[in-house]
N, C-alpha and C. Protein backbone atom coordinates (compact mmCIF):
# COMPACT_ATOMS: atom_id res chain seq x y z
N MET A 1 0.84 -1.16 0.00
CA MET A 1 0.00 0.00 0.00
C MET A 1 0.90 1.24 0.00
N HIS A 2 0.62 2.19 -0.89
CA HIS A 2 1.37 3.44 -0.97
C HIS A 2 0.59 4.53 -0.25
N ARG A 3 1.28 5.29 0.53
CA ARG A 3 0.65 6.40 1.22
C ARG A 3 1.18 7.71 0.64
N LYS A 4 0.30 8.61 0.44
CA LYS A 4 0.70 9.93 -0.04
C LYS A 4 0.99 10.80 1.18
N LEU A 5 2.19 11.38 1.19
CA LEU A 5 2.55 12.24 2.30
C LEU A 5 1.97 13.63 2.05
N VAL A 6 1.24 14.11 3.01
CA VAL A 6 0.61 15.41 2.90
C VAL A 6 1.19 16.30 3.98
N GLU A 7 1.60 17.50 3.57
CA GLU A 7 2.17 18.44 4.53
C GLU A 7 1.04 19.14 5.26
N PRO A 8 1.20 19.32 6.56
CA PRO A 8 0.19 20.06 7.31
C PRO A 8 0.04 21.48 6.77
N PRO A 9 -1.15 22.07 6.87
CA PRO A 9 -1.35 23.44 6.38
C PRO A 9 -0.38 24.41 7.05
N GLY A 10 0.13 25.34 6.26
CA GLY A 10 1.05 26.33 6.80
C GLY A 10 2.51 25.92 6.74
N TRP A 11 2.79 24.65 6.46
CA TRP A 11 4.16 24.21 6.35
C TRP A 11 4.66 24.52 4.96
N GLN A 12 5.95 24.75 4.87
CA GLN A 12 6.54 25.06 3.59
C GLN A 12 7.78 24.20 3.41
N VAL A 13 7.92 23.63 2.23
CA VAL A 13 9.10 22.83 1.94
C VAL A 13 10.23 23.79 1.59
N VAL A 14 11.34 23.67 2.30
CA VAL A 14 12.49 24.52 2.04
C VAL A 14 13.61 23.63 1.53
N GLU A 15 14.06 23.91 0.31
CA GLU A 15 15.17 23.14 -0.24
C GLU A 15 16.46 23.70 0.31
N THR A 16 17.34 22.82 0.74
CA THR A 16 18.63 23.28 1.20
C THR A 16 19.56 23.36 0.00
N ALA A 17 20.14 24.50 -0.20
CA ALA A 17 21.01 24.73 -1.34
C ALA A 17 22.41 24.20 -1.05
N GLU A 18 23.02 23.70 -2.09
CA GLU A 18 24.42 23.30 -1.96
C GLU A 18 25.27 24.55 -1.89
N THR A 19 26.45 24.41 -1.37
CA THR A 19 27.37 25.53 -1.26
C THR A 19 28.53 25.32 -2.22
N CYS A 20 28.88 26.37 -2.93
CA CYS A 20 30.01 26.32 -3.87
C CYS A 20 31.31 26.18 -3.08
N PRO A 21 32.18 25.22 -3.45
CA PRO A 21 33.42 25.04 -2.70
C PRO A 21 34.42 26.19 -2.90
N LEU A 22 34.24 27.02 -3.93
CA LEU A 22 35.15 28.14 -4.14
C LEU A 22 34.68 29.39 -3.40
N CYS A 23 33.49 29.87 -3.74
CA CYS A 23 33.03 31.15 -3.17
C CYS A 23 32.21 30.98 -1.90
N GLU A 24 31.84 29.75 -1.58
CA GLU A 24 31.09 29.41 -0.37
C GLU A 24 29.72 30.07 -0.29
N ARG A 25 29.14 30.42 -1.45
CA ARG A 25 27.78 30.96 -1.49
C ARG A 25 26.83 29.82 -1.86
N PRO A 26 25.56 29.90 -1.45
CA PRO A 26 24.58 28.89 -1.86
C PRO A 26 24.42 28.90 -3.38
N ILE A 27 24.24 27.72 -3.97
CA ILE A 27 24.11 27.60 -5.42
C ILE A 27 22.64 27.46 -5.79
N PRO A 28 22.06 28.45 -6.49
CA PRO A 28 20.69 28.30 -6.97
C PRO A 28 20.65 27.22 -8.06
N PRO A 29 19.56 26.45 -8.16
CA PRO A 29 19.49 25.38 -9.16
C PRO A 29 19.81 25.85 -10.58
N ALA A 30 19.41 27.05 -10.95
CA ALA A 30 19.64 27.54 -12.31
C ALA A 30 21.11 27.88 -12.57
N GLN A 31 21.91 28.02 -11.51
CA GLN A 31 23.32 28.38 -11.67
C GLN A 31 24.27 27.25 -11.27
N ARG A 32 23.75 26.03 -11.19
CA ARG A 32 24.53 24.88 -10.74
C ARG A 32 25.21 24.18 -11.91
N ASP A 33 26.52 24.00 -11.81
CA ASP A 33 27.30 23.23 -12.78
C ASP A 33 28.07 22.15 -12.03
N GLU A 34 28.30 21.03 -12.69
CA GLU A 34 29.13 19.97 -12.13
C GLU A 34 30.54 20.15 -12.67
N HIS A 35 31.52 20.20 -11.79
CA HIS A 35 32.92 20.35 -12.18
C HIS A 35 33.65 19.05 -11.88
N HIS A 36 34.29 18.47 -12.89
CA HIS A 36 35.13 17.29 -12.68
C HIS A 36 36.44 17.76 -12.07
N LEU A 37 36.76 17.27 -10.89
CA LEU A 37 37.99 17.70 -10.22
C LEU A 37 39.21 17.37 -11.07
N VAL A 38 39.22 16.19 -11.65
CA VAL A 38 40.19 15.84 -12.68
C VAL A 38 39.37 15.75 -13.96
N PRO A 39 39.73 16.49 -15.01
CA PRO A 39 38.93 16.49 -16.23
C PRO A 39 38.66 15.08 -16.77
N ARG A 40 37.48 14.89 -17.36
CA ARG A 40 37.11 13.58 -17.90
C ARG A 40 38.13 13.09 -18.90
N MET A 41 38.65 13.99 -19.73
CA MET A 41 39.61 13.56 -20.75
C MET A 41 40.93 13.09 -20.13
N LYS A 42 41.12 13.37 -18.86
CA LYS A 42 42.32 12.92 -18.14
C LYS A 42 41.96 11.77 -17.19
N GLY A 43 40.76 11.21 -17.32
CA GLY A 43 40.35 10.05 -16.54
C GLY A 43 39.57 10.35 -15.28
N GLY A 44 39.18 11.58 -15.06
CA GLY A 44 38.46 11.94 -13.85
C GLY A 44 37.00 11.53 -13.86
N LYS A 45 36.50 11.19 -12.70
CA LYS A 45 35.10 10.81 -12.55
C LYS A 45 34.40 11.60 -11.44
N LEU A 46 35.12 12.00 -10.41
CA LEU A 46 34.56 12.70 -9.26
C LEU A 46 34.20 14.14 -9.62
N THR A 47 32.99 14.57 -9.23
CA THR A 47 32.55 15.93 -9.52
C THR A 47 32.13 16.64 -8.24
N VAL A 48 32.14 17.96 -8.32
CA VAL A 48 31.60 18.80 -7.25
C VAL A 48 30.68 19.83 -7.90
N ALA A 49 29.67 20.25 -7.17
CA ALA A 49 28.76 21.29 -7.67
C ALA A 49 29.41 22.65 -7.45
N MET A 50 29.31 23.51 -8.46
CA MET A 50 29.85 24.87 -8.39
C MET A 50 28.87 25.83 -9.03
N HIS A 51 29.01 27.10 -8.68
CA HIS A 51 28.28 28.14 -9.42
C HIS A 51 28.77 28.10 -10.87
N ARG A 52 27.90 28.37 -11.78
CA ARG A 52 28.28 28.41 -13.19
C ARG A 52 29.43 29.39 -13.44
N ILE A 53 29.37 30.57 -12.82
CA ILE A 53 30.41 31.58 -13.03
C ILE A 53 31.76 31.11 -12.46
N CYS A 54 31.74 30.43 -11.33
CA CYS A 54 32.99 29.92 -10.74
C CYS A 54 33.57 28.81 -11.62
N HIS A 55 32.71 27.92 -12.09
CA HIS A 55 33.13 26.82 -12.94
C HIS A 55 33.77 27.35 -14.23
N ARG A 56 33.11 28.30 -14.85
CA ARG A 56 33.64 28.85 -16.11
C ARG A 56 34.96 29.60 -15.88
N GLN A 57 35.09 30.26 -14.75
CA GLN A 57 36.33 30.97 -14.45
C GLN A 57 37.49 30.00 -14.30
N VAL A 58 37.25 28.88 -13.63
CA VAL A 58 38.29 27.86 -13.46
C VAL A 58 38.78 27.40 -14.84
N HIS A 59 37.86 27.13 -15.74
CA HIS A 59 38.24 26.65 -17.07
C HIS A 59 38.83 27.76 -17.94
N ALA A 60 38.53 29.01 -17.65
CA ALA A 60 39.13 30.12 -18.38
C ALA A 60 40.59 30.32 -17.95
N LEU A 61 40.90 29.98 -16.72
CA LEU A 61 42.24 30.20 -16.20
C LEU A 61 43.21 29.04 -16.47
N PHE A 62 42.69 27.81 -16.47
CA PHE A 62 43.58 26.65 -16.52
C PHE A 62 43.23 25.69 -17.65
N SER A 63 44.25 25.05 -18.19
CA SER A 63 44.04 24.02 -19.20
C SER A 63 43.63 22.73 -18.50
N GLU A 64 43.17 21.77 -19.29
CA GLU A 64 42.78 20.47 -18.73
C GLU A 64 43.99 19.81 -18.05
N THR A 65 45.15 19.94 -18.65
CA THR A 65 46.36 19.34 -18.08
C THR A 65 46.72 20.00 -16.75
N GLU A 66 46.64 21.33 -16.69
CA GLU A 66 46.93 22.03 -15.44
C GLU A 66 45.95 21.62 -14.35
N LEU A 67 44.67 21.50 -14.70
CA LEU A 67 43.66 21.08 -13.73
C LEU A 67 43.98 19.69 -13.19
N ALA A 68 44.35 18.77 -14.08
CA ALA A 68 44.63 17.40 -13.66
C ALA A 68 45.88 17.32 -12.80
N ARG A 69 46.92 18.06 -13.15
CA ARG A 69 48.20 17.95 -12.45
C ARG A 69 48.26 18.74 -11.14
N ALA A 70 47.77 19.98 -11.15
CA ALA A 70 48.02 20.84 -10.01
C ALA A 70 46.77 21.36 -9.29
N PHE A 71 45.61 21.29 -9.94
CA PHE A 71 44.43 21.93 -9.36
C PHE A 71 43.24 20.97 -9.28
N SER A 72 43.47 19.79 -8.74
CA SER A 72 42.42 18.78 -8.70
C SER A 72 41.60 18.77 -7.41
N THR A 73 41.77 19.81 -6.59
CA THR A 73 40.95 19.95 -5.39
C THR A 73 40.53 21.42 -5.26
N PRO A 74 39.42 21.68 -4.58
CA PRO A 74 39.04 23.08 -4.35
C PRO A 74 40.12 23.85 -3.57
N GLN A 75 40.80 23.18 -2.65
CA GLN A 75 41.85 23.83 -1.87
C GLN A 75 43.02 24.24 -2.76
N ALA A 76 43.38 23.39 -3.72
CA ALA A 76 44.46 23.73 -4.64
C ALA A 76 44.07 24.90 -5.52
N LEU A 77 42.82 24.93 -5.96
CA LEU A 77 42.35 26.06 -6.77
C LEU A 77 42.42 27.35 -5.96
N LEU A 78 41.97 27.30 -4.70
CA LEU A 78 41.96 28.49 -3.85
C LEU A 78 43.37 28.96 -3.48
N ALA A 79 44.36 28.10 -3.61
CA ALA A 79 45.74 28.50 -3.33
C ALA A 79 46.31 29.37 -4.44
N ASN A 80 45.67 29.39 -5.59
CA ASN A 80 46.12 30.19 -6.73
C ASN A 80 45.67 31.64 -6.55
N ALA A 81 46.58 32.59 -6.79
CA ALA A 81 46.29 34.02 -6.59
C ALA A 81 45.18 34.52 -7.51
N GLU A 82 45.15 34.08 -8.76
CA GLU A 82 44.11 34.53 -9.69
C GLU A 82 42.73 34.05 -9.27
N VAL A 83 42.65 32.81 -8.79
CA VAL A 83 41.38 32.26 -8.32
C VAL A 83 40.94 33.02 -7.06
N ARG A 84 41.84 33.25 -6.15
CA ARG A 84 41.51 33.99 -4.91
C ARG A 84 40.98 35.39 -5.24
N LYS A 85 41.62 36.07 -6.18
CA LYS A 85 41.18 37.41 -6.57
C LYS A 85 39.76 37.36 -7.12
N PHE A 86 39.48 36.36 -7.98
CA PHE A 86 38.14 36.19 -8.53
C PHE A 86 37.13 35.90 -7.42
N VAL A 87 37.47 35.00 -6.50
CA VAL A 87 36.56 34.61 -5.42
C VAL A 87 36.25 35.81 -4.52
N GLU A 88 37.24 36.62 -4.22
CA GLU A 88 36.99 37.81 -3.40
C GLU A 88 35.99 38.74 -4.09
N TRP A 89 36.10 38.86 -5.41
CA TRP A 89 35.19 39.71 -6.18
C TRP A 89 33.79 39.11 -6.23
N VAL A 90 33.68 37.82 -6.55
CA VAL A 90 32.37 37.21 -6.76
C VAL A 90 31.60 37.03 -5.45
N ARG A 91 32.28 36.93 -4.33
CA ARG A 91 31.59 36.79 -3.04
C ARG A 91 30.69 37.98 -2.72
N THR A 92 30.97 39.12 -3.33
CA THR A 92 30.17 40.32 -3.06
C THR A 92 28.91 40.37 -3.92
N LYS A 93 28.75 39.40 -4.82
CA LYS A 93 27.62 39.38 -5.75
C LYS A 93 26.49 38.51 -5.20
N PRO A 94 25.26 38.73 -5.70
CA PRO A 94 24.13 37.86 -5.30
C PRO A 94 24.39 36.41 -5.73
N ASP A 95 23.73 35.47 -5.06
CA ASP A 95 23.93 34.04 -5.35
C ASP A 95 23.64 33.69 -6.80
N ASP A 96 22.67 34.37 -7.42
CA ASP A 96 22.29 34.02 -8.79
C ASP A 96 22.99 34.90 -9.84
N PHE A 97 24.04 35.63 -9.44
CA PHE A 97 24.78 36.50 -10.34
C PHE A 97 25.50 35.69 -11.41
N TYR A 98 25.46 36.18 -12.65
CA TYR A 98 26.23 35.56 -13.72
C TYR A 98 26.69 36.64 -14.68
N GLU A 99 27.91 36.54 -15.12
CA GLU A 99 28.48 37.44 -16.11
C GLU A 99 29.35 36.61 -17.02
N ARG A 100 29.41 36.99 -18.26
CA ARG A 100 30.21 36.26 -19.23
C ARG A 100 31.67 36.20 -18.77
N THR A 101 32.27 35.03 -18.87
CA THR A 101 33.64 34.82 -18.45
C THR A 101 34.55 34.94 -19.67
N ARG A 102 35.63 35.67 -19.50
CA ARG A 102 36.60 35.83 -20.59
C ARG A 102 37.81 34.96 -20.32
N ARG A 103 38.37 34.42 -21.38
CA ARG A 103 39.56 33.57 -21.26
C ARG A 103 40.72 34.42 -20.75
N ALA A 104 41.52 33.86 -19.87
CA ALA A 104 42.67 34.56 -19.31
C ALA A 104 43.65 34.92 -20.42
N ALA A 105 44.32 36.04 -20.30
CA ALA A 105 45.26 36.51 -21.32
C ALA A 105 46.36 35.49 -21.60
N LYS A 106 46.81 34.78 -20.59
CA LYS A 106 47.88 33.80 -20.78
C LYS A 106 47.42 32.59 -21.61
N ARG A 107 46.11 32.38 -21.73
CA ARG A 107 45.59 31.24 -22.48
C ARG A 107 45.11 31.61 -23.87
N ARG A 108 45.20 32.88 -24.27
CA ARG A 108 44.73 33.30 -25.60
C ARG A 108 45.66 32.88 -26.68
């Protein structure tokens, strides 16, 4: 027998948002991207949820090889000065903020 769960009147379902490992802000569902800690083309399978803007910034700054070799954890990414500068800037923005990401000058 299946029972339908009914919420008492006045109750509200509150979804708990995931937190971005870089900027530590809650991730709205519309801004959620999965980041492979080691890129798939380098054999990675493990992913973490990130803000879309944070995810795109990581890929704008680093090649797949750099990500696999030196930046395969959120802590390693945060140890980089360019990532820290970006995180300090984006932390001041609303959770659902998005702006087009430009490729880093060193990668052009």
